PDB file of all heavy atoms in Angstrom:
ATOM      1  N   LYS A   1       2.887  -5.688  14.296  1.00  0.00           N
ATOM      2  CA  LYS A   1       2.800  -4.480  15.014  1.00  0.00           C
ATOM      3  C   LYS A   1       3.804  -3.566  14.578  1.00  0.00           C
ATOM      4  O   LYS A   1       5.016  -3.693  14.565  1.00  0.00           O
ATOM      5  CB  LYS A   1       3.127  -4.908  16.609  1.00  0.00           C
ATOM      6  CG  LYS A   1       2.186  -5.878  17.275  1.00  0.00           C
ATOM      7  CD  LYS A   1       2.646  -6.197  18.549  1.00  0.00           C
ATOM      8  CE  LYS A   1       1.531  -7.257  19.080  1.00  0.00           C
ATOM      9  NZ  LYS A   1       1.998  -7.792  20.402  1.00  0.00           N
ATOM     10  N   ILE A   2       3.186  -2.424  14.194  1.00  0.00           N
ATOM     11  CA  ILE A   2       3.988  -1.322  13.662  1.00  0.00           C
ATOM     12  C   ILE A   2       3.292  -0.110  13.825  1.00  0.00           C
ATOM     13  O   ILE A   2       2.078   0.017  13.693  1.00  0.00           O
ATOM     14  CB  ILE A   2       4.335  -1.541  12.078  1.00  0.00           C
ATOM     15  CG1 ILE A   2       5.398  -0.653  11.486  1.00  0.00           C
ATOM     16  CG2 ILE A   2       3.191  -1.705  11.315  1.00  0.00           C
ATOM     17  CD1 ILE A   2       5.974  -0.806  10.326  1.00  0.00           C
ATOM     18  N   ASP A   3       3.912   1.013  13.974  1.00  0.00           N
ATOM     19  CA  ASP A   3       3.337   2.343  14.035  1.00  0.00           C
ATOM     20  C   ASP A   3       3.709   3.055  12.810  1.00  0.00           C
ATOM     21  O   ASP A   3       4.830   3.518  12.676  1.00  0.00           O
ATOM     22  CB  ASP A   3       3.877   3.166  15.249  1.00  0.00           C
ATOM     23  CG  ASP A   3       3.339   2.598  16.594  1.00  0.00           C
ATOM     24  OD1 ASP A   3       2.228   2.115  16.602  1.00  0.00           O
ATOM     25  OD2 ASP A   3       4.090   2.655  17.519  1.00  0.00           O
ATOM     26  N   LEU A   4       2.807   3.185  11.848  1.00  0.00           N
ATOM     27  CA  LEU A   4       3.004   3.975  10.622  1.00  0.00           C
ATOM     28  C   LEU A   4       2.811   5.277  10.873  1.00  0.00           C
ATOM     29  O   LEU A   4       1.690   5.744  11.353  1.00  0.00           O
ATOM     30  CB  LEU A   4       2.050   3.426   9.556  1.00  0.00           C
ATOM     31  CG  LEU A   4       2.330   2.121   8.881  1.00  0.00           C
ATOM     32  CD1 LEU A   4       1.252   1.766   7.814  1.00  0.00           C
ATOM     33  CD2 LEU A   4       3.676   2.064   8.195  1.00  0.00           C
ATOM     34  N   THR A   5       3.761   6.191  10.490  1.00  0.00           N
ATOM     35  CA  THR A   5       3.579   7.619  10.609  1.00  0.00           C
ATOM     36  C   THR A   5       2.736   8.009   9.366  1.00  0.00           C
ATOM     37  O   THR A   5       2.558   7.387   8.386  1.00  0.00           O
ATOM     38  CB  THR A   5       4.938   8.328  10.529  1.00  0.00           C
ATOM     39  OG1 THR A   5       5.518   8.086   9.215  1.00  0.00           O
ATOM     40  CG2 THR A   5       5.904   7.897  11.586  1.00  0.00           C
ATOM     41  N   ASN A   6       2.158   9.244   9.501  1.00  0.00           N
ATOM     42  CA  ASN A   6       1.385   9.757   8.439  1.00  0.00           C
ATOM     43  C   ASN A   6       2.280   9.826   7.064  1.00  0.00           C
ATOM     44  O   ASN A   6       1.735   9.474   5.934  1.00  0.00           O
ATOM     45  CB  ASN A   6       0.887  11.254   8.693  1.00  0.00           C
ATOM     46  CG  ASN A   6      -0.238  11.101   9.659  1.00  0.00           C
ATOM     47  OD1 ASN A   6      -0.934  10.104   9.729  1.00  0.00           O
ATOM     48  ND2 ASN A   6      -0.541  12.265  10.421  1.00  0.00           N
ATOM     49  N   GLU A   7       3.485  10.102   7.217  1.00  0.00           N
ATOM     50  CA  GLU A   7       4.456  10.209   6.067  1.00  0.00           C
ATOM     51  C   GLU A   7       4.570   8.851   5.391  1.00  0.00           C
ATOM     52  O   GLU A   7       4.542   8.648   4.190  1.00  0.00           O
ATOM     53  CB  GLU A   7       5.769  10.777   6.464  1.00  0.00           C
ATOM     54  CG  GLU A   7       6.696  10.872   5.324  1.00  0.00           C
ATOM     55  CD  GLU A   7       8.040  11.374   5.742  1.00  0.00           C
ATOM     56  OE1 GLU A   7       8.347  11.855   6.940  1.00  0.00           O
ATOM     57  OE2 GLU A   7       9.012  11.404   4.970  1.00  0.00           O
ATOM     58  N   GLU A   8       4.743   7.844   6.245  1.00  0.00           N
ATOM     59  CA  GLU A   8       4.904   6.493   5.736  1.00  0.00           C
ATOM     60  C   GLU A   8       3.610   6.011   5.168  1.00  0.00           C
ATOM     61  O   GLU A   8       3.633   5.407   4.033  1.00  0.00           O
ATOM     62  CB  GLU A   8       5.356   5.523   6.799  1.00  0.00           C
ATOM     63  CG  GLU A   8       6.731   5.763   7.359  1.00  0.00           C
ATOM     64  CD  GLU A   8       7.041   5.147   8.765  1.00  0.00           C
ATOM     65  OE1 GLU A   8       6.138   4.780   9.506  1.00  0.00           O
ATOM     66  OE2 GLU A   8       8.236   4.886   8.897  1.00  0.00           O
ATOM     67  N   HIS A   9       2.561   6.290   5.797  1.00  0.00           N
ATOM     68  CA  HIS A   9       1.126   5.882   5.187  1.00  0.00           C
ATOM     69  C   HIS A   9       1.063   6.599   3.818  1.00  0.00           C
ATOM     70  O   HIS A   9       0.658   5.916   2.928  1.00  0.00           O
ATOM     71  CB  HIS A   9       0.123   6.318   6.201  1.00  0.00           C
ATOM     72  CG  HIS A   9      -1.190   5.814   5.660  1.00  0.00           C
ATOM     73  ND1 HIS A   9      -2.030   6.478   4.924  1.00  0.00           N
ATOM     74  CD2 HIS A   9      -1.925   4.797   6.078  1.00  0.00           C
ATOM     75  CE1 HIS A   9      -3.193   5.932   4.627  1.00  0.00           C
ATOM     76  NE2 HIS A   9      -3.179   4.897   5.350  1.00  0.00           N
ATOM     77  N   ASN A  10       1.387   7.895   3.676  1.00  0.00           N
ATOM     78  CA  ASN A  10       1.243   8.512   2.473  1.00  0.00           C
ATOM     79  C   ASN A  10       2.079   7.971   1.317  1.00  0.00           C
ATOM     80  O   ASN A  10       1.714   7.878   0.206  1.00  0.00           O
ATOM     81  CB  ASN A  10       1.412  10.089   2.602  1.00  0.00           C
ATOM     82  CG  ASN A  10       0.418  10.680   3.456  1.00  0.00           C
ATOM     83  OD1 ASN A  10      -0.799  10.152   3.504  1.00  0.00           O
ATOM     84  ND2 ASN A  10       0.658  11.861   4.027  1.00  0.00           N
ATOM     85  N   LYS A  11       3.362   7.615   1.791  1.00  0.00           N
ATOM     86  CA  LYS A  11       4.247   7.062   0.761  1.00  0.00           C
ATOM     87  C   LYS A  11       3.689   5.685   0.216  1.00  0.00           C
ATOM     88  O   LYS A  11       3.774   5.416  -0.977  1.00  0.00           O
ATOM     89  CB  LYS A  11       5.645   6.794   1.489  1.00  0.00           C
ATOM     90  CG  LYS A  11       6.442   8.050   1.460  1.00  0.00           C
ATOM     91  CD  LYS A  11       7.813   7.727   2.119  1.00  0.00           C
ATOM     92  CE  LYS A  11       8.687   8.913   2.382  1.00  0.00           C
ATOM     93  NZ  LYS A  11       9.911   8.640   2.926  1.00  0.00           N
ATOM     94  N   LEU A  12       3.177   4.932   1.145  1.00  0.00           N
ATOM     95  CA  LEU A  12       2.664   3.675   0.869  1.00  0.00           C
ATOM     96  C   LEU A  12       1.434   3.796  -0.124  1.00  0.00           C
ATOM     97  O   LEU A  12       1.312   3.222  -1.245  1.00  0.00           O
ATOM     98  CB  LEU A  12       2.137   2.834   2.083  1.00  0.00           C
ATOM     99  CG  LEU A  12       1.493   1.469   1.835  1.00  0.00           C
ATOM    100  CD1 LEU A  12       2.417   0.605   1.096  1.00  0.00           C
ATOM    101  CD2 LEU A  12       1.076   0.937   3.173  1.00  0.00           C
ATOM    102  N   GLU A  13       0.567   4.737   0.198  1.00  0.00           N
ATOM    103  CA  GLU A  13      -0.647   5.124  -0.752  1.00  0.00           C
ATOM    104  C   GLU A  13      -0.134   5.537  -2.077  1.00  0.00           C
ATOM    105  O   GLU A  13      -0.615   5.149  -3.149  1.00  0.00           O
ATOM    106  CB  GLU A  13      -1.423   6.128  -0.073  1.00  0.00           C
ATOM    107  CG  GLU A  13      -2.728   6.503  -0.840  1.00  0.00           C
ATOM    108  CD  GLU A  13      -3.643   7.385  -0.163  1.00  0.00           C
ATOM    109  OE1 GLU A  13      -3.150   8.446   0.546  1.00  0.00           O
ATOM    110  OE2 GLU A  13      -4.797   7.202  -0.270  1.00  0.00           O
ATOM    111  N   ASN A  14       0.837   6.449  -2.167  1.00  0.00           N
ATOM    112  CA  ASN A  14       1.462   6.866  -3.352  1.00  0.00           C
ATOM    113  C   ASN A  14       2.082   5.766  -4.246  1.00  0.00           C
ATOM    114  O   ASN A  14       1.862   5.790  -5.446  1.00  0.00           O
ATOM    115  CB  ASN A  14       2.475   7.995  -3.221  1.00  0.00           C
ATOM    116  CG  ASN A  14       1.861   9.326  -2.698  1.00  0.00           C
ATOM    117  OD1 ASN A  14       0.583   9.568  -2.963  1.00  0.00           O
ATOM    118  ND2 ASN A  14       2.594  10.097  -1.933  1.00  0.00           N
ATOM    119  N   ILE A  15       2.707   4.867  -3.590  1.00  0.00           N
ATOM    120  CA  ILE A  15       3.257   3.778  -4.395  1.00  0.00           C
ATOM    121  C   ILE A  15       2.190   2.888  -4.964  1.00  0.00           C
ATOM    122  O   ILE A  15       2.122   2.490  -6.086  1.00  0.00           O
ATOM    123  CB  ILE A  15       4.166   2.834  -3.406  1.00  0.00           C
ATOM    124  CG1 ILE A  15       5.426   3.579  -3.085  1.00  0.00           C
ATOM    125  CG2 ILE A  15       4.457   1.475  -4.005  1.00  0.00           C
ATOM    126  CD1 ILE A  15       6.267   2.960  -1.899  1.00  0.00           C
ATOM    127  N   ILE A  16       1.018   2.559  -4.183  1.00  0.00           N
ATOM    128  CA  ILE A  16      -0.063   1.843  -4.645  1.00  0.00           C
ATOM    129  C   ILE A  16      -0.774   2.642  -5.800  1.00  0.00           C
ATOM    130  O   ILE A  16      -1.063   2.015  -6.848  1.00  0.00           O
ATOM    131  CB  ILE A  16      -1.044   1.609  -3.492  1.00  0.00           C
ATOM    132  CG1 ILE A  16      -0.379   0.632  -2.595  1.00  0.00           C
ATOM    133  CG2 ILE A  16      -2.339   0.990  -4.128  1.00  0.00           C
ATOM    134  CD1 ILE A  16      -1.186   0.431  -1.236  1.00  0.00           C
ATOM    135  N   ILE A  17      -0.893   3.951  -5.738  1.00  0.00           N
ATOM    136  CA  ILE A  17      -1.537   4.638  -6.818  1.00  0.00           C
ATOM    137  C   ILE A  17      -0.611   4.609  -8.033  1.00  0.00           C
ATOM    138  O   ILE A  17      -1.191   4.422  -9.101  1.00  0.00           O
ATOM    139  CB  ILE A  17      -1.768   6.034  -6.410  1.00  0.00           C
ATOM    140  CG1 ILE A  17      -2.931   6.253  -5.283  1.00  0.00           C
ATOM    141  CG2 ILE A  17      -2.050   7.068  -7.585  1.00  0.00           C
ATOM    142  CD1 ILE A  17      -3.036   7.474  -4.581  1.00  0.00           C
ATOM    143  N   ARG A  18       0.666   4.743  -7.889  1.00  0.00           N
ATOM    144  CA  ARG A  18       1.551   4.596  -9.039  1.00  0.00           C
ATOM    145  C   ARG A  18       1.449   3.281  -9.823  1.00  0.00           C
ATOM    146  O   ARG A  18       1.357   3.149 -11.037  1.00  0.00           O
ATOM    147  CB  ARG A  18       2.976   4.930  -8.583  1.00  0.00           C
ATOM    148  CG  ARG A  18       3.903   5.112  -9.766  1.00  0.00           C
ATOM    149  CD  ARG A  18       5.296   5.604  -9.267  1.00  0.00           C
ATOM    150  NE  ARG A  18       5.393   5.574  -7.897  1.00  0.00           N
ATOM    151  CZ  ARG A  18       6.503   5.355  -7.096  1.00  0.00           C
ATOM    152  NH1 ARG A  18       7.605   5.011  -7.664  1.00  0.00           N
ATOM    153  NH2 ARG A  18       6.451   5.494  -5.798  1.00  0.00           N
ATOM    154  N   ILE A  19       1.413   2.223  -8.937  1.00  0.00           N
ATOM    155  CA  ILE A  19       1.117   0.881  -9.479  1.00  0.00           C
ATOM    156  C   ILE A  19      -0.191   0.777 -10.324  1.00  0.00           C
ATOM    157  O   ILE A  19      -0.175   0.263 -11.396  1.00  0.00           O
ATOM    158  CB  ILE A  19       1.174  -0.240  -8.439  1.00  0.00           C
ATOM    159  CG1 ILE A  19       2.689  -0.386  -7.789  1.00  0.00           C
ATOM    160  CG2 ILE A  19       0.667  -1.507  -8.960  1.00  0.00           C
ATOM    161  CD1 ILE A  19       2.767  -1.131  -6.593  1.00  0.00           C
ATOM    162  N   LEU A  20      -1.121   1.331  -9.760  1.00  0.00           N
ATOM    163  CA  LEU A  20      -2.528   1.284 -10.341  1.00  0.00           C
ATOM    164  C   LEU A  20      -2.518   2.164 -11.644  1.00  0.00           C
ATOM    165  O   LEU A  20      -3.223   1.647 -12.670  1.00  0.00           O
ATOM    166  CB  LEU A  20      -3.650   1.797  -9.425  1.00  0.00           C
ATOM    167  CG  LEU A  20      -3.895   0.923  -8.282  1.00  0.00           C
ATOM    168  CD1 LEU A  20      -4.839   1.610  -7.176  1.00  0.00           C
ATOM    169  CD2 LEU A  20      -4.456  -0.421  -8.700  1.00  0.00           C
ATOM    170  N   LYS A  21      -1.880   3.254 -11.628  1.00  0.00           N
ATOM    171  CA  LYS A  21      -1.913   4.032 -12.827  1.00  0.00           C
ATOM    172  C   LYS A  21      -1.128   3.530 -13.951  1.00  0.00           C
ATOM    173  O   LYS A  21      -1.306   3.731 -15.084  1.00  0.00           O
ATOM    174  CB  LYS A  21      -1.364   5.396 -12.526  1.00  0.00           C
ATOM    175  CG  LYS A  21      -2.205   6.363 -11.673  1.00  0.00           C
ATOM    176  CD  LYS A  21      -1.703   7.758 -11.535  1.00  0.00           C
ATOM    177  CE  LYS A  21      -2.654   8.691 -10.893  1.00  0.00           C
ATOM    178  NZ  LYS A  21      -2.008  10.043 -10.587  1.00  0.00           N
ATOM    179  N   ASN A  22      -0.068   2.681 -13.632  1.00  0.00           N
ATOM    180  CA  ASN A  22       0.838   2.150 -14.675  1.00  0.00           C
ATOM    181  C   ASN A  22       0.547   0.731 -15.075  1.00  0.00           C
ATOM    182  O   ASN A  22       1.305   0.174 -15.812  1.00  0.00           O
ATOM    183  CB  ASN A  22       2.288   2.274 -14.090  1.00  0.00           C
ATOM    184  CG  ASN A  22       2.749   3.659 -14.014  1.00  0.00           C
ATOM    185  OD1 ASN A  22       2.570   4.531 -14.943  1.00  0.00           O
ATOM    186  ND2 ASN A  22       3.357   4.041 -12.908  1.00  0.00           N
ATOM    187  N   ASN A  23      -0.591   0.091 -14.632  1.00  0.00           N
ATOM    188  CA  ASN A  23      -0.893  -1.174 -14.912  1.00  0.00           C
ATOM    189  C   ASN A  23      -2.394  -1.368 -15.289  1.00  0.00           C
ATOM    190  O   ASN A  23      -3.201  -0.743 -14.501  1.00  0.00           O
ATOM    191  CB  ASN A  23      -0.545  -2.134 -13.802  1.00  0.00           C
ATOM    192  CG  ASN A  23       0.970  -2.313 -13.606  1.00  0.00           C
ATOM    193  OD1 ASN A  23       1.601  -2.890 -14.306  1.00  0.00           O
ATOM    194  ND2 ASN A  23       1.436  -1.492 -12.649  1.00  0.00           N
ATOM    195  N   ALA A  24      -2.747  -2.062 -16.314  1.00  0.00           N
ATOM    196  CA  ALA A  24      -4.178  -2.179 -16.644  1.00  0.00           C
ATOM    197  C   ALA A  24      -4.981  -3.046 -15.635  1.00  0.00           C
ATOM    198  O   ALA A  24      -6.205  -2.694 -15.351  1.00  0.00           O
ATOM    199  CB  ALA A  24      -4.266  -2.906 -18.006  1.00  0.00           C
ATOM    200  N   ARG A  25      -4.291  -3.961 -15.034  1.00  0.00           N
ATOM    201  CA  ARG A  25      -5.007  -4.884 -14.080  1.00  0.00           C
ATOM    202  C   ARG A  25      -3.955  -5.241 -12.925  1.00  0.00           C
ATOM    203  O   ARG A  25      -2.854  -5.686 -13.306  1.00  0.00           O
ATOM    204  CB  ARG A  25      -5.530  -6.106 -14.793  1.00  0.00           C
ATOM    205  CG  ARG A  25      -6.414  -6.977 -13.935  1.00  0.00           C
ATOM    206  CD  ARG A  25      -7.888  -6.247 -14.003  1.00  0.00           C
ATOM    207  NE  ARG A  25      -8.688  -7.021 -13.018  1.00  0.00           N
ATOM    208  CZ  ARG A  25      -9.548  -6.405 -12.164  1.00  0.00           C
ATOM    209  NH1 ARG A  25      -9.598  -5.095 -12.117  1.00  0.00           N
ATOM    210  NH2 ARG A  25     -10.260  -7.129 -11.358  1.00  0.00           N
ATOM    211  N   VAL A  26      -4.463  -5.170 -11.653  1.00  0.00           N
ATOM    212  CA  VAL A  26      -3.480  -5.435 -10.517  1.00  0.00           C
ATOM    213  C   VAL A  26      -4.210  -6.410  -9.596  1.00  0.00           C
ATOM    214  O   VAL A  26      -5.316  -6.230  -9.305  1.00  0.00           O
ATOM    215  CB  VAL A  26      -2.943  -4.291  -9.855  1.00  0.00           C
ATOM    216  CG1 VAL A  26      -1.935  -4.698  -8.787  1.00  0.00           C
ATOM    217  CG2 VAL A  26      -2.309  -3.218 -10.806  1.00  0.00           C
ATOM    218  N   ARG A  27      -3.518  -7.366  -9.151  1.00  0.00           N
ATOM    219  CA  ARG A  27      -3.828  -8.238  -8.087  1.00  0.00           C
ATOM    220  C   ARG A  27      -3.036  -7.953  -6.834  1.00  0.00           C
ATOM    221  O   ARG A  27      -1.917  -8.056  -6.890  1.00  0.00           O
ATOM    222  CB  ARG A  27      -3.807  -9.754  -8.395  1.00  0.00           C
ATOM    223  CG  ARG A  27      -4.758 -10.415  -9.253  1.00  0.00           C
ATOM    224  CD  ARG A  27      -4.476 -11.803  -9.283  1.00  0.00           C
ATOM    225  NE  ARG A  27      -5.609 -12.367 -10.168  1.00  0.00           N
ATOM    226  CZ  ARG A  27      -5.634 -13.539 -10.728  1.00  0.00           C
ATOM    227  NH1 ARG A  27      -4.410 -14.282 -10.679  1.00  0.00           N
ATOM    228  NH2 ARG A  27      -6.576 -13.968 -11.411  1.00  0.00           N
ATOM    229  N   PHE A  28      -3.705  -7.567  -5.780  1.00  0.00           N
ATOM    230  CA  PHE A  28      -3.083  -7.410  -4.492  1.00  0.00           C
ATOM    231  C   PHE A  28      -3.264  -8.610  -3.539  1.00  0.00           C
ATOM    232  O   PHE A  28      -4.593  -8.920  -3.242  1.00  0.00           O
ATOM    233  CB  PHE A  28      -3.487  -6.096  -3.851  1.00  0.00           C
ATOM    234  CG  PHE A  28      -3.097  -4.845  -4.545  1.00  0.00           C
ATOM    235  CD1 PHE A  28      -3.928  -4.228  -5.413  1.00  0.00           C
ATOM    236  CD2 PHE A  28      -1.767  -4.333  -4.368  1.00  0.00           C
ATOM    237  CE1 PHE A  28      -3.592  -3.035  -6.005  1.00  0.00           C
ATOM    238  CE2 PHE A  28      -1.361  -3.118  -5.135  1.00  0.00           C
ATOM    239  CZ  PHE A  28      -2.332  -2.535  -5.914  1.00  0.00           C
ATOM    240  N   PHE A  29      -2.280  -9.155  -2.988  1.00  0.00           N
ATOM    241  CA  PHE A  29      -2.376 -10.267  -2.064  1.00  0.00           C
ATOM    242  C   PHE A  29      -2.116  -9.730  -0.696  1.00  0.00           C
ATOM    243  O   PHE A  29      -1.078  -9.045  -0.447  1.00  0.00           O
ATOM    244  CB  PHE A  29      -1.515 -11.438  -2.372  1.00  0.00           C
ATOM    245  CG  PHE A  29      -1.944 -12.233  -3.527  1.00  0.00           C
ATOM    246  CD1 PHE A  29      -1.418 -11.976  -4.844  1.00  0.00           C
ATOM    247  CD2 PHE A  29      -2.821 -13.343  -3.472  1.00  0.00           C
ATOM    248  CE1 PHE A  29      -1.724 -12.688  -5.877  1.00  0.00           C
ATOM    249  CE2 PHE A  29      -3.221 -14.027  -4.417  1.00  0.00           C
ATOM    250  CZ  PHE A  29      -2.629 -13.722  -5.756  1.00  0.00           C
ATOM    251  N   LEU A  30      -3.034  -9.993   0.234  1.00  0.00           N
ATOM    252  CA  LEU A  30      -2.891  -9.541   1.612  1.00  0.00           C
ATOM    253  C   LEU A  30      -3.044 -10.676   2.579  1.00  0.00           C
ATOM    254  O   LEU A  30      -3.925 -11.504   2.382  1.00  0.00           O
ATOM    255  CB  LEU A  30      -3.906  -8.441   1.981  1.00  0.00           C
ATOM    256  CG  LEU A  30      -3.813  -7.140   1.220  1.00  0.00           C
ATOM    257  CD1 LEU A  30      -5.065  -6.558   0.918  1.00  0.00           C
ATOM    258  CD2 LEU A  30      -2.985  -6.084   2.089  1.00  0.00           C
ATOM    259  N   GLY A  31      -2.322 -10.622   3.614  1.00  0.00           N
ATOM    260  CA  GLY A  31      -2.438 -11.674   4.628  1.00  0.00           C
ATOM    261  C   GLY A  31      -3.565 -11.370   5.641  1.00  0.00           C
ATOM    262  O   GLY A  31      -4.039 -12.248   6.342  1.00  0.00           O
ATOM    263  N   GLY A  32      -3.986 -10.086   5.826  1.00  0.00           N
ATOM    264  CA  GLY A  32      -5.081  -9.820   6.695  1.00  0.00           C
ATOM    265  C   GLY A  32      -4.720 -10.037   8.097  1.00  0.00           C
ATOM    266  O   GLY A  32      -5.617 -10.397   8.961  1.00  0.00           O
ATOM    267  N   TYR A  33      -3.523  -9.943   8.533  1.00  0.00           N
ATOM    268  CA  TYR A  33      -3.094 -10.108   9.754  1.00  0.00           C
ATOM    269  C   TYR A  33      -2.025  -9.062  10.171  1.00  0.00           C
ATOM    270  O   TYR A  33      -0.926  -9.001   9.564  1.00  0.00           O
ATOM    271  CB  TYR A  33      -2.336 -11.469   9.969  1.00  0.00           C
ATOM    272  CG  TYR A  33      -1.920 -11.917  11.291  1.00  0.00           C
ATOM    273  CD1 TYR A  33      -2.838 -12.427  12.132  1.00  0.00           C
ATOM    274  CD2 TYR A  33      -0.626 -11.750  11.656  1.00  0.00           C
ATOM    275  CE1 TYR A  33      -2.310 -12.806  13.466  1.00  0.00           C
ATOM    276  CE2 TYR A  33      -0.154 -12.135  12.982  1.00  0.00           C
ATOM    277  CZ  TYR A  33      -1.121 -12.652  13.863  1.00  0.00           C
ATOM    278  OH  TYR A  33      -0.657 -12.901  15.076  1.00  0.00           O
ATOM    279  N   GLY A  34      -2.384  -8.282  11.027  1.00  0.00           N
ATOM    280  CA  GLY A  34      -1.432  -7.349  11.479  1.00  0.00           C
ATOM    281  C   GLY A  34      -1.624  -5.924  11.050  1.00  0.00           C
ATOM    282  O   GLY A  34      -2.448  -5.679  10.058  1.00  0.00           O
ATOM    283  N   VAL A  35      -1.032  -4.981  11.595  1.00  0.00           N
ATOM    284  CA  VAL A  35      -1.182  -3.476  11.423  1.00  0.00           C
ATOM    285  C   VAL A  35      -0.937  -3.128   9.895  1.00  0.00           C
ATOM    286  O   VAL A  35      -1.591  -2.491   9.273  1.00  0.00           O
ATOM    287  CB  VAL A  35      -0.409  -2.680  12.359  1.00  0.00           C
ATOM    288  CG1 VAL A  35      -0.582  -1.227  12.054  1.00  0.00           C
ATOM    289  CG2 VAL A  35      -0.881  -2.924  13.799  1.00  0.00           C
ATOM    290  N   PHE A  36       0.279  -3.593   9.458  1.00  0.00           N
ATOM    291  CA  PHE A  36       0.696  -3.362   8.055  1.00  0.00           C
ATOM    292  C   PHE A  36      -0.307  -3.785   7.103  1.00  0.00           C
ATOM    293  O   PHE A  36      -0.673  -3.132   6.152  1.00  0.00           O
ATOM    294  CB  PHE A  36       2.025  -3.889   7.631  1.00  0.00           C
ATOM    295  CG  PHE A  36       2.571  -3.436   6.374  1.00  0.00           C
ATOM    296  CD1 PHE A  36       3.041  -2.125   6.109  1.00  0.00           C
ATOM    297  CD2 PHE A  36       2.502  -4.391   5.301  1.00  0.00           C
ATOM    298  CE1 PHE A  36       3.452  -1.843   4.856  1.00  0.00           C
ATOM    299  CE2 PHE A  36       2.993  -3.991   4.026  1.00  0.00           C
ATOM    300  CZ  PHE A  36       3.510  -2.695   3.817  1.00  0.00           C
TER     301      PHE A  36
END
């Protein structure tokens, strides 16, 4: 349970984009449980 602000959501998205741009292949592991 977490309330992500738009700013926090955008920061998270930018971090993910930076990872994708700087790596040829990426595996993301997610728990699929909860807001985050």
